[in-house]
C-alpha cells in the first residue's frame, strides 16, 4: 500500500481531488504490485507518477507548463530543493537545509504532541485518509486486490 503513496500525496496536496485515478501495475507472481504508473485525471490536465520497489533510478518530480517547469530534485517524500524555470529565468528554493529531512517531520510531530494541537493532528489524518482513498481506488483499478476483496 505504499507504492506511489508519497507521489499521490504530493499531487493531492498541490492540485486537490482528481476526477479519476488509473493505475498500471507491474505484478509479482503473488499478485502484489512491485512498481507501477499512477495517472490522475483533472479537468484541465493529467498528472502521472511512477513508483517502484523493483528497480532503482533517480528520483524527482517535475511539473510542466506552457511557460516553464518546476523541478523537485529528489523524491516527493523528501522535497528539499525546488527549481523554478520560466521565460524570465531560473530560481532555486531550499527550505529544508538539513541532510535528513525526517528531522522536519519529527519536529512537527513533537510540536503537535507538546502543544496538544488536536486540530492539526486531525488535518494531517484527514490528508492521509484522503490519499489512502485514492490509493485504494487506483490499486483496485489496476487489478491489485487483497485476500477477500474480490
N, C-alpha and C. Protein backbone atom coordinates (compact mmCIF):
# COMPACT_ATOMS: atom_id res chain seq x y z
N UNK A 1 0.81 -1.21 0.00
CA UNK A 1 0.00 0.00 0.00
C UNK A 1 0.85 1.26 0.00
N UNK A 2 2.17 1.14 -0.21
CA UNK A 2 2.96 2.36 -0.17
C UNK A 2 3.54 2.78 -1.51
N UNK A 3 3.43 1.93 -2.53
CA UNK A 3 3.96 2.34 -3.83
C UNK A 3 3.11 3.49 -4.36
N UNK A 4 3.75 4.57 -4.66
CA UNK A 4 3.15 5.81 -5.17
C UNK A 4 2.40 6.62 -4.10
N UNK A 5 2.46 6.21 -2.83
CA UNK A 5 1.77 6.98 -1.79
C UNK A 5 2.31 8.40 -1.71
N UNK A 6 3.62 8.56 -1.61
CA UNK A 6 4.18 9.90 -1.48
C UNK A 6 3.94 10.73 -2.73
N UNK A 7 4.02 10.08 -3.89
CA UNK A 7 3.73 10.79 -5.14
C UNK A 7 2.28 11.25 -5.16
N UNK A 8 1.39 10.37 -4.74
CA UNK A 8 -0.04 10.71 -4.70
C UNK A 8 -0.29 11.86 -3.73
N UNK A 9 0.29 11.80 -2.55
CA UNK A 9 0.12 12.88 -1.58
C UNK A 9 0.63 14.21 -2.15
N UNK A 10 1.75 14.16 -2.83
CA UNK A 10 2.33 15.34 -3.45
C UNK A 10 1.33 15.96 -4.42
N UNK A 11 0.73 15.12 -5.28
CA UNK A 11 -0.21 15.62 -6.28
C UNK A 11 -1.51 16.11 -5.64
N UNK A 12 -2.03 15.36 -4.68
CA UNK A 12 -3.26 15.79 -4.00
C UNK A 12 -3.04 17.09 -3.24
N UNK A 13 -1.91 17.22 -2.57
CA UNK A 13 -1.64 18.44 -1.82
C UNK A 13 -1.49 19.66 -2.74
N UNK A 14 -0.94 19.44 -3.92
CA UNK A 14 -0.77 20.56 -4.86
C UNK A 14 -2.03 20.87 -5.65
N UNK A 15 -2.70 19.82 -6.14
CA UNK A 15 -3.77 20.02 -7.12
C UNK A 15 -5.17 19.69 -6.62
N UNK A 16 -5.29 19.09 -5.45
CA UNK A 16 -6.60 18.73 -4.93
C UNK A 16 -7.08 17.40 -5.48
N UNK A 17 -8.40 17.22 -5.40
CA UNK A 17 -9.02 15.96 -5.79
C UNK A 17 -9.08 15.81 -7.31
N UNK A 18 -8.63 14.67 -7.83
CA UNK A 18 -8.78 14.42 -9.26
C UNK A 18 -10.20 13.95 -9.58
N UNK A 19 -10.52 13.87 -10.83
CA UNK A 19 -11.82 13.33 -11.23
C UNK A 19 -11.74 11.82 -11.45
N UNK A 20 -10.51 11.32 -11.65
CA UNK A 20 -10.34 9.90 -11.95
C UNK A 20 -8.92 9.48 -11.60
N UNK A 21 -8.76 8.22 -11.21
CA UNK A 21 -7.44 7.65 -10.95
C UNK A 21 -7.33 6.32 -11.68
N UNK A 22 -6.22 6.12 -12.36
CA UNK A 22 -5.94 4.85 -13.05
C UNK A 22 -4.56 4.38 -12.60
N UNK A 23 -4.41 3.08 -12.53
CA UNK A 23 -3.13 2.53 -12.09
C UNK A 23 -2.75 1.37 -12.99
N UNK A 24 -1.51 1.36 -13.43
CA UNK A 24 -0.98 0.33 -14.30
C UNK A 24 0.21 -0.31 -13.59
N UNK A 25 -0.05 -1.42 -12.87
CA UNK A 25 0.99 -2.03 -12.04
C UNK A 25 1.82 -3.08 -12.77
N UNK A 26 3.02 -3.28 -12.27
CA UNK A 26 3.81 -4.47 -12.59
C UNK A 26 3.60 -5.41 -11.42
N UNK A 27 3.09 -6.58 -11.71
CA UNK A 27 2.71 -7.51 -10.65
C UNK A 27 3.74 -8.62 -10.48
N UNK A 28 4.04 -8.94 -9.23
CA UNK A 28 4.88 -10.09 -8.90
C UNK A 28 4.03 -11.36 -9.03
N UNK A 29 4.64 -12.51 -8.90
CA UNK A 29 3.92 -13.78 -9.02
C UNK A 29 2.79 -13.92 -8.01
N UNK A 30 2.93 -13.25 -6.85
CA UNK A 30 1.90 -13.35 -5.82
C UNK A 30 0.76 -12.35 -6.02
N UNK A 31 0.80 -11.57 -7.12
CA UNK A 31 -0.27 -10.63 -7.43
C UNK A 31 -0.11 -9.25 -6.81
N UNK A 32 0.96 -9.05 -6.08
CA UNK A 32 1.20 -7.74 -5.45
C UNK A 32 2.05 -6.89 -6.39
N UNK A 33 1.73 -5.61 -6.45
CA UNK A 33 2.48 -4.72 -7.32
C UNK A 33 3.84 -4.39 -6.73
N UNK A 34 4.85 -4.47 -7.59
CA UNK A 34 6.20 -4.11 -7.19
C UNK A 34 6.61 -2.77 -7.77
N UNK A 35 5.84 -2.30 -8.73
CA UNK A 35 6.03 -0.96 -9.30
C UNK A 35 4.79 -0.66 -10.12
N UNK A 36 4.67 0.60 -10.54
CA UNK A 36 3.53 0.94 -11.37
C UNK A 36 3.44 2.42 -11.69
N UNK A 37 2.59 2.72 -12.65
CA UNK A 37 2.35 4.09 -13.08
C UNK A 37 0.95 4.48 -12.64
N UNK A 38 0.86 5.59 -11.93
CA UNK A 38 -0.40 6.13 -11.44
C UNK A 38 -0.74 7.36 -12.28
N UNK A 39 -1.96 7.41 -12.79
CA UNK A 39 -2.40 8.55 -13.59
C UNK A 39 -3.63 9.15 -12.94
N UNK A 40 -3.56 10.43 -12.65
CA UNK A 40 -4.69 11.17 -12.09
C UNK A 40 -5.20 12.12 -13.15
N UNK A 41 -6.50 12.11 -13.36
CA UNK A 41 -7.11 12.99 -14.34
C UNK A 41 -7.78 14.16 -13.61
N UNK A 42 -7.47 15.35 -14.06
CA UNK A 42 -8.06 16.59 -13.55
C UNK A 42 -8.80 17.25 -14.71
N UNK A 43 -9.70 18.18 -14.43
CA UNK A 43 -10.44 18.82 -15.53
C UNK A 43 -9.55 19.48 -16.59
N UNK A 44 -8.42 20.04 -16.17
CA UNK A 44 -7.58 20.79 -17.12
C UNK A 44 -6.27 20.11 -17.49
N UNK A 45 -5.92 19.00 -16.84
CA UNK A 45 -4.63 18.36 -17.10
C UNK A 45 -4.63 16.93 -16.56
N UNK A 46 -3.56 16.22 -16.88
CA UNK A 46 -3.34 14.86 -16.38
C UNK A 46 -2.02 14.86 -15.63
N UNK A 47 -1.98 14.18 -14.48
CA UNK A 47 -0.75 14.04 -13.71
C UNK A 47 -0.39 12.56 -13.65
N UNK A 48 0.89 12.27 -13.74
CA UNK A 48 1.32 10.88 -13.68
C UNK A 48 2.46 10.73 -12.68
N UNK A 49 2.53 9.55 -12.08
CA UNK A 49 3.59 9.25 -11.12
C UNK A 49 4.04 7.82 -11.33
N UNK A 50 5.33 7.60 -11.17
CA UNK A 50 5.90 6.27 -11.27
C UNK A 50 6.49 5.93 -9.90
N UNK A 51 6.11 4.78 -9.38
CA UNK A 51 6.65 4.31 -8.12
C UNK A 51 7.18 2.91 -8.29
N UNK A 52 8.28 2.58 -7.60
CA UNK A 52 8.88 1.26 -7.79
C UNK A 52 9.61 0.78 -6.55
N UNK A 53 9.49 -0.51 -6.31
CA UNK A 53 10.28 -1.21 -5.31
C UNK A 53 11.19 -2.22 -6.00
N UNK A 54 10.99 -2.42 -7.31
CA UNK A 54 11.72 -3.45 -8.03
C UNK A 54 12.82 -2.91 -8.93
N UNK A 55 13.12 -1.63 -8.80
CA UNK A 55 14.19 -1.04 -9.60
C UNK A 55 14.71 0.20 -8.89
N UNK A 56 15.84 0.68 -9.37
CA UNK A 56 16.43 1.90 -8.81
C UNK A 56 16.62 2.91 -9.93
N UNK A 57 16.35 4.15 -9.63
CA UNK A 57 16.60 5.22 -10.60
C UNK A 57 16.67 6.53 -9.84
N UNK A 58 16.97 7.58 -10.54
CA UNK A 58 16.99 8.90 -9.91
C UNK A 58 15.55 9.31 -9.61
N UNK A 59 15.34 9.80 -8.42
CA UNK A 59 14.01 10.25 -8.02
C UNK A 59 13.89 11.74 -8.21
N UNK A 60 12.75 12.15 -8.73
CA UNK A 60 12.48 13.57 -8.93
C UNK A 60 11.02 13.76 -9.26
N UNK A 61 10.57 15.00 -9.18
CA UNK A 61 9.22 15.34 -9.61
C UNK A 61 9.33 16.58 -10.48
N UNK A 62 8.51 16.63 -11.51
CA UNK A 62 8.53 17.78 -12.41
C UNK A 62 7.11 18.16 -12.77
N UNK A 63 6.84 19.44 -12.66
CA UNK A 63 5.54 19.99 -13.07
C UNK A 63 5.81 20.84 -14.29
N UNK A 64 5.23 20.45 -15.42
CA UNK A 64 5.48 21.13 -16.68
C UNK A 64 4.31 22.02 -17.05
N UNK A 65 4.63 23.18 -17.59
CA UNK A 65 3.61 24.08 -18.07
C UNK A 65 4.03 24.70 -19.39
N UNK A 66 3.17 25.52 -19.96
CA UNK A 66 3.45 26.13 -21.25
C UNK A 66 4.62 27.10 -21.19
N UNK A 67 4.88 27.68 -20.03
CA UNK A 67 5.92 28.71 -19.92
C UNK A 67 7.11 28.30 -19.08
N UNK A 68 7.18 27.02 -18.71
CA UNK A 68 8.31 26.57 -17.92
C UNK A 68 7.99 25.34 -17.12
N UNK A 69 8.80 25.13 -16.09
CA UNK A 69 8.58 23.95 -15.26
C UNK A 69 9.11 24.18 -13.86
N UNK A 70 8.66 23.30 -12.96
CA UNK A 70 9.14 23.27 -11.59
C UNK A 70 9.75 21.90 -11.38
N UNK A 71 10.98 21.85 -10.89
CA UNK A 71 11.68 20.59 -10.68
C UNK A 71 11.98 20.41 -9.21
N UNK A 72 11.51 19.28 -8.66
CA UNK A 72 11.88 18.85 -7.31
C UNK A 72 12.98 17.82 -7.52
N UNK A 73 14.17 18.12 -7.03
CA UNK A 73 15.34 17.34 -7.42
C UNK A 73 15.50 16.00 -6.71
N UNK A 74 14.56 15.62 -5.87
CA UNK A 74 14.60 14.30 -5.26
C UNK A 74 13.18 13.83 -5.02
N UNK A 75 13.02 12.68 -4.38
CA UNK A 75 11.66 12.13 -4.25
C UNK A 75 10.74 13.07 -3.48
N UNK A 76 9.46 12.92 -3.76
CA UNK A 76 8.46 13.84 -3.21
C UNK A 76 8.31 13.72 -1.71
N UNK A 77 8.73 12.62 -1.12
CA UNK A 77 8.65 12.49 0.34
C UNK A 77 9.74 13.29 1.03
N UNK A 78 10.75 13.71 0.26
CA UNK A 78 11.86 14.47 0.82
C UNK A 78 12.10 15.72 -0.02
N UNK A 79 11.10 16.52 -0.18
CA UNK A 79 11.14 17.71 -1.03
C UNK A 79 12.10 18.73 -0.44
N UNK A 80 13.35 18.68 -0.84
CA UNK A 80 14.39 19.53 -0.27
C UNK A 80 14.64 20.76 -1.13
N UNK A 81 14.88 20.56 -2.40
CA UNK A 81 15.24 21.66 -3.29
C UNK A 81 14.25 21.74 -4.45
N UNK A 82 13.78 22.94 -4.74
CA UNK A 82 12.83 23.15 -5.82
C UNK A 82 13.40 24.20 -6.77
N UNK A 83 13.45 23.87 -8.05
CA UNK A 83 13.93 24.81 -9.06
C UNK A 83 12.75 25.23 -9.93
N UNK A 84 12.58 26.53 -10.12
CA UNK A 84 11.52 27.08 -10.96
C UNK A 84 12.19 27.70 -12.19
N UNK A 85 11.79 27.21 -13.37
CA UNK A 85 12.34 27.71 -14.62
C UNK A 85 11.21 28.34 -15.42
N UNK A 86 11.38 29.59 -15.80
CA UNK A 86 10.36 30.32 -16.57
C UNK A 86 11.05 31.18 -17.62
N UNK A 87 10.29 31.83 -18.48
CA UNK A 87 10.91 32.69 -19.50
C UNK A 87 11.76 33.82 -18.92
N UNK A 88 11.50 34.20 -17.68
CA UNK A 88 12.29 35.29 -17.09
C UNK A 88 13.52 34.81 -16.34
N UNK A 89 13.72 33.48 -16.26
CA UNK A 89 14.91 32.97 -15.61
C UNK A 89 14.68 31.71 -14.81
N UNK A 90 15.63 31.48 -13.92
CA UNK A 90 15.63 30.26 -13.13
C UNK A 90 15.94 30.62 -11.68
N UNK A 91 15.20 30.00 -10.75
CA UNK A 91 15.44 30.27 -9.33
C UNK A 91 15.29 28.96 -8.56
N UNK A 92 16.19 28.75 -7.59
CA UNK A 92 16.14 27.55 -6.77
C UNK A 92 15.80 27.93 -5.34
N UNK A 93 14.91 27.16 -4.74
CA UNK A 93 14.49 27.36 -3.36
C UNK A 93 14.87 26.14 -2.56
N UNK A 94 15.34 26.36 -1.35
CA UNK A 94 15.67 25.26 -0.45
C UNK A 94 15.24 25.64 0.95
N UNK A 95 14.07 25.16 1.34
CA UNK A 95 13.52 25.48 2.66
C UNK A 95 13.90 24.45 3.70
N UNK A 96 14.59 23.39 3.31
CA UNK A 96 14.95 22.33 4.24
C UNK A 96 16.43 21.99 4.09
N UNK A 97 17.31 22.76 4.69
CA UNK A 97 18.74 22.53 4.51
C UNK A 97 19.30 21.31 5.24
N UNK A 98 18.56 20.72 6.19
CA UNK A 98 19.06 19.54 6.90
C UNK A 98 19.24 18.37 5.94
N UNK A 99 20.29 17.59 6.11
CA UNK A 99 20.50 16.41 5.26
C UNK A 99 19.42 15.37 5.46
N UNK A 100 19.03 15.14 6.70
CA UNK A 100 17.98 14.17 7.00
C UNK A 100 16.66 14.92 7.12
N UNK A 101 15.84 14.84 6.07
CA UNK A 101 14.60 15.61 6.06
C UNK A 101 13.56 15.07 7.04
N UNK A 102 13.78 13.87 7.57
CA UNK A 102 12.86 13.36 8.59
C UNK A 102 12.94 14.20 9.87
N UNK A 103 14.00 14.98 10.00
CA UNK A 103 14.12 15.90 11.13
C UNK A 103 12.91 16.82 11.19
N UNK A 104 12.45 17.28 10.04
CA UNK A 104 11.33 18.21 9.99
C UNK A 104 10.03 17.53 10.41
N UNK A 105 9.85 16.28 9.96
CA UNK A 105 8.66 15.53 10.38
C UNK A 105 8.67 15.32 11.88
N UNK A 106 9.81 14.94 12.43
CA UNK A 106 9.89 14.70 13.88
C UNK A 106 9.67 15.98 14.67
N UNK A 107 10.22 17.09 14.20
CA UNK A 107 10.00 18.37 14.88
C UNK A 107 8.52 18.73 14.89
N UNK A 108 7.87 18.55 13.75
CA UNK A 108 6.44 18.86 13.67
C UNK A 108 5.63 17.93 14.55
N UNK A 109 5.96 16.64 14.52
CA UNK A 109 5.26 15.68 15.38
C UNK A 109 5.43 16.05 16.85
N UNK A 110 6.66 16.37 17.24
CA UNK A 110 6.93 16.74 18.63
C UNK A 110 6.16 17.99 19.03
N UNK A 111 6.08 18.95 18.12
CA UNK A 111 5.35 20.19 18.41
C UNK A 111 3.85 19.93 18.56
N UNK A 112 3.30 19.10 17.70
CA UNK A 112 1.89 18.74 17.80
C UNK A 112 1.63 18.04 19.14
N UNK A 113 2.51 17.13 19.50
CA UNK A 113 2.35 16.40 20.76
C UNK A 113 2.50 17.33 21.97
N UNK A 114 3.55 18.17 21.92
CA UNK A 114 3.83 19.06 23.04
C UNK A 114 2.69 20.05 23.28
N UNK A 115 2.14 20.59 22.21
CA UNK A 115 1.09 21.61 22.34
C UNK A 115 -0.32 21.01 22.33
N UNK A 116 -0.38 19.69 22.16
CA UNK A 116 -1.68 19.01 22.09
C UNK A 116 -2.58 19.63 21.02
N UNK A 117 -1.98 19.90 19.86
CA UNK A 117 -2.68 20.54 18.75
C UNK A 117 -3.53 19.49 18.02
N UNK A 118 -4.66 19.19 18.60
CA UNK A 118 -5.56 18.16 18.06
C UNK A 118 -6.08 18.56 16.68
N UNK A 119 -6.32 19.83 16.46
CA UNK A 119 -6.84 20.29 15.16
C UNK A 119 -5.82 20.00 14.05
N UNK A 120 -4.55 20.26 14.31
CA UNK A 120 -3.52 19.98 13.30
C UNK A 120 -3.38 18.48 13.09
N UNK A 121 -3.41 17.73 14.18
CA UNK A 121 -3.36 16.27 14.07
C UNK A 121 -4.49 15.77 13.18
N UNK A 122 -5.70 16.29 13.41
CA UNK A 122 -6.85 15.86 12.64
C UNK A 122 -6.73 16.25 11.17
N UNK A 123 -6.19 17.44 10.88
CA UNK A 123 -5.98 17.85 9.49
C UNK A 123 -5.01 16.90 8.79
N UNK A 124 -3.94 16.54 9.47
CA UNK A 124 -2.96 15.62 8.89
C UNK A 124 -3.56 14.23 8.69
N UNK A 125 -4.37 13.78 9.64
CA UNK A 125 -5.04 12.48 9.49
C UNK A 125 -6.02 12.51 8.32
N UNK A 126 -6.74 13.61 8.16
CA UNK A 126 -7.66 13.75 7.03
C UNK A 126 -6.91 13.68 5.71
N UNK A 127 -5.74 14.32 5.65
CA UNK A 127 -4.93 14.28 4.43
C UNK A 127 -4.48 12.86 4.12
N UNK A 128 -4.11 12.12 5.15
CA UNK A 128 -3.70 10.72 4.96
C UNK A 128 -4.87 9.88 4.49
N UNK A 129 -6.02 10.06 5.11
CA UNK A 129 -7.22 9.29 4.71
C UNK A 129 -7.63 9.59 3.27
N UNK A 130 -7.53 10.86 2.89
CA UNK A 130 -7.85 11.24 1.51
C UNK A 130 -6.92 10.53 0.53
N UNK A 131 -5.64 10.51 0.84
CA UNK A 131 -4.68 9.85 -0.04
C UNK A 131 -4.93 8.35 -0.09
N UNK A 132 -5.23 7.74 1.04
CA UNK A 132 -5.48 6.30 1.06
C UNK A 132 -6.72 5.94 0.27
N UNK A 133 -7.73 6.81 0.28
CA UNK A 133 -8.94 6.58 -0.52
C UNK A 133 -8.58 6.49 -2.00
N UNK A 134 -7.78 7.43 -2.48
CA UNK A 134 -7.40 7.43 -3.89
C UNK A 134 -6.42 6.30 -4.21
N UNK A 135 -5.54 5.99 -3.27
CA UNK A 135 -4.60 4.89 -3.47
C UNK A 135 -5.34 3.56 -3.59
N UNK A 136 -6.36 3.37 -2.77
CA UNK A 136 -7.14 2.14 -2.83
C UNK A 136 -7.91 2.06 -4.15
N UNK A 137 -8.51 3.16 -4.58
CA UNK A 137 -9.22 3.17 -5.87
C UNK A 137 -8.27 2.81 -7.00
N UNK A 138 -7.10 3.42 -6.99
CA UNK A 138 -6.12 3.17 -8.05
C UNK A 138 -5.65 1.72 -8.02
N UNK A 139 -5.36 1.22 -6.84
CA UNK A 139 -4.90 -0.16 -6.69
C UNK A 139 -5.92 -1.13 -7.27
N UNK A 140 -7.17 -0.95 -6.92
CA UNK A 140 -8.23 -1.84 -7.43
C UNK A 140 -8.42 -1.67 -8.93
N UNK A 141 -8.28 -0.44 -9.42
CA UNK A 141 -8.36 -0.20 -10.86
C UNK A 141 -7.29 -0.99 -11.59
N UNK A 142 -6.11 -1.11 -10.97
CA UNK A 142 -5.01 -1.85 -11.58
C UNK A 142 -5.08 -3.35 -11.38
N UNK A 143 -6.15 -3.83 -10.72
CA UNK A 143 -6.31 -5.26 -10.53
C UNK A 143 -5.53 -5.82 -9.35
N UNK A 144 -5.13 -4.96 -8.43
CA UNK A 144 -4.40 -5.42 -7.23
C UNK A 144 -5.41 -5.50 -6.10
N UNK A 145 -5.69 -6.73 -5.68
CA UNK A 145 -6.67 -6.97 -4.62
C UNK A 145 -6.03 -7.76 -3.50
N UNK A 146 -6.50 -7.53 -2.30
CA UNK A 146 -6.06 -8.30 -1.16
C UNK A 146 -7.03 -9.46 -0.96
N UNK A 147 -6.58 -10.44 -0.20
CA UNK A 147 -7.43 -11.61 0.07
C UNK A 147 -8.79 -11.17 0.60
N UNK A 148 -9.85 -11.71 -0.01
CA UNK A 148 -11.21 -11.42 0.43
C UNK A 148 -11.82 -10.16 -0.18
N UNK A 149 -11.11 -9.46 -1.05
CA UNK A 149 -11.65 -8.22 -1.63
C UNK A 149 -12.46 -8.41 -2.90
N UNK A 150 -12.16 -9.42 -3.67
CA UNK A 150 -12.77 -9.53 -5.00
C UNK A 150 -14.23 -9.72 -4.92
